[in-house]
Amino acid sequence: MALFVQLTGLPFAGSLPMGLYQFYGVAAFLGWLSGNVYVYRTRGLPGALRRRILLVYLLGPPGIFYILRSMAPITSQIAVPLAPVYATAVFAMLLLVPVTLRSTGVESTGARR
């Protein structure tokens, strides 16, 4: 981000005035989407490989929250400094819902395997 500001000369902070409700909505949507994509893409893989892929799905996308929050106005960033951490928690919880339901044998449609 600092490189972007230095190269373009444009201010990064304040370029996306997103409220907290929308910010956590993005986190919830990305968590839900990532969890369902993970379940779909790891069908039929061995358990050890599935766990490694889960780590990638769990740790990769939360970087987006830090970028989105750094684009918020400075006053908003100062008011709630831990918003990206909370968004990461929301993301992780909603990612793990389909994963947990898959391990119990319940598909997302509610039918048993």
Protein backbone atom coordinates (compact mmCIF):
# COMPACT_ATOMS: atom_id res chain seq x y z
CA MET A 1 0.00 0.00 0.00
CA ALA A 2 2.82 2.36 0.79
CA LEU A 3 4.31 1.54 -2.61
CA PHE A 4 0.98 2.39 -4.25
CA VAL A 5 0.87 5.76 -2.50
CA GLN A 6 4.48 6.53 -3.45
CA LEU A 7 4.06 5.57 -7.10
CA THR A 8 0.74 7.24 -7.78
CA GLY A 9 0.76 10.09 -5.28
CA LEU A 10 -2.89 9.38 -4.51
CA PRO A 11 -4.02 9.10 -0.90
CA PHE A 12 -5.01 5.54 -0.01
CA ALA A 13 -6.89 6.32 3.20
CA GLY A 14 -10.37 7.65 2.57
CA SER A 15 -10.65 6.22 -0.93
CA LEU A 16 -13.35 3.73 0.13
CA PRO A 17 -15.69 5.13 2.80
CA MET A 18 -17.27 1.83 3.87
CA GLY A 19 -19.22 1.60 7.12
CA LEU A 20 -18.68 -1.18 9.62
CA TYR A 21 -21.96 -2.87 8.72
CA GLN A 22 -20.89 -3.24 5.10
CA PHE A 23 -17.36 -4.17 6.15
CA TYR A 24 -18.56 -7.07 8.30
CA GLY A 25 -21.05 -8.00 5.58
CA VAL A 26 -18.14 -8.45 3.18
CA ALA A 27 -16.37 -10.59 5.80
CA ALA A 28 -19.46 -12.75 6.30
CA PHE A 29 -20.02 -13.19 2.58
CA LEU A 30 -16.38 -14.10 1.90
CA GLY A 31 -16.37 -16.58 4.79
CA TRP A 32 -19.54 -18.27 3.57
CA LEU A 33 -18.30 -18.35 -0.02
CA SER A 34 -14.83 -19.64 0.91
CA GLY A 35 -16.28 -22.38 3.11
CA ASN A 36 -18.59 -23.66 0.40
CA VAL A 37 -15.86 -23.49 -2.25
CA TYR A 38 -13.51 -25.38 0.08
CA VAL A 39 -16.08 -28.14 0.66
CA TYR A 40 -16.78 -28.43 -3.07
CA ARG A 41 -13.13 -28.47 -4.17
CA THR A 42 -11.85 -30.92 -1.53
CA ARG A 43 -14.43 -33.63 -2.14
CA GLY A 44 -12.68 -36.96 -2.45
CA LEU A 45 -9.26 -35.77 -1.25
CA PRO A 46 -7.42 -37.52 1.61
CA GLY A 47 -7.70 -35.97 5.08
CA ALA A 48 -4.12 -34.70 5.37
CA LEU A 49 -4.32 -32.83 2.08
CA ARG A 50 -7.73 -31.40 3.01
CA ARG A 51 -6.30 -29.97 6.24
CA ARG A 52 -3.45 -28.28 4.35
CA ILE A 53 -5.86 -26.77 1.88
CA LEU A 54 -8.10 -25.60 4.75
CA LEU A 55 -5.15 -23.69 6.15
CA VAL A 56 -4.75 -21.87 2.82
CA TYR A 57 -8.46 -21.05 2.67
CA LEU A 58 -8.44 -19.89 6.28
CA LEU A 59 -5.32 -17.71 6.19
CA GLY A 60 -5.34 -16.38 2.63
CA PRO A 61 -8.43 -14.18 2.19
CA PRO A 62 -8.32 -12.19 5.47
CA GLY A 63 -5.63 -9.95 3.96
CA ILE A 64 -8.46 -8.37 1.98
CA PHE A 65 -9.96 -7.03 5.22
CA TYR A 66 -6.79 -5.17 6.12
CA ILE A 67 -6.65 -3.60 2.65
CA LEU A 68 -10.33 -2.58 2.78
CA ARG A 69 -9.95 -1.12 6.25
CA SER A 70 -6.85 0.86 5.27
CA MET A 71 -8.96 2.44 2.52
CA ALA A 72 -11.46 3.76 5.09
CA PRO A 73 -11.20 7.36 6.32
CA ILE A 74 -8.56 7.93 9.02
CA THR A 75 -11.16 8.96 11.63
CA SER A 76 -13.00 5.69 11.07
CA GLN A 77 -9.76 3.70 11.37
CA ILE A 78 -8.89 5.40 14.65
CA ALA A 79 -12.40 4.89 16.06
CA VAL A 80 -12.32 1.09 15.63
CA PRO A 81 -8.70 -0.07 15.31
CA LEU A 82 -9.47 -3.79 15.73
CA ALA A 83 -12.11 -4.00 13.00
CA PRO A 84 -9.93 -6.15 10.68
CA VAL A 85 -9.29 -8.61 13.52
CA TYR A 86 -13.02 -8.90 14.21
CA ALA A 87 -13.72 -9.26 10.49
CA THR A 88 -11.18 -12.10 10.35
CA ALA A 89 -13.02 -13.81 13.23
CA VAL A 90 -16.37 -13.44 11.41
CA PHE A 91 -14.77 -14.81 8.25
CA ALA A 92 -13.27 -17.80 10.09
CA MET A 93 -16.52 -18.68 11.85
CA LEU A 94 -18.54 -18.61 8.65
CA LEU A 95 -15.88 -20.53 6.75
CA LEU A 96 -15.91 -23.29 9.36
CA VAL A 97 -19.71 -23.78 9.30
CA PRO A 98 -19.80 -25.75 6.00
CA VAL A 99 -16.57 -27.54 6.94
CA THR A 100 -18.07 -28.67 10.24
CA LEU A 101 -21.33 -29.71 8.62
CA ARG A 102 -19.41 -31.71 6.04
CA SER A 103 -17.51 -33.62 8.72
CA THR A 104 -20.78 -34.58 10.41
CA GLY A 105 -22.14 -35.96 7.15
CA VAL A 106 -24.74 -33.26 6.53
CA GLU A 107 -24.62 -31.54 3.14
CA SER A 108 -25.50 -27.87 2.82
CA THR A 109 -28.93 -28.90 1.45
CA GLY A 110 -29.65 -30.73 4.70
CA ALA A 111 -29.58 -34.25 3.22
CA ARG A 112 -27.51 -37.03 4.75
CA ARG A 113 -24.70 -38.72 2.77
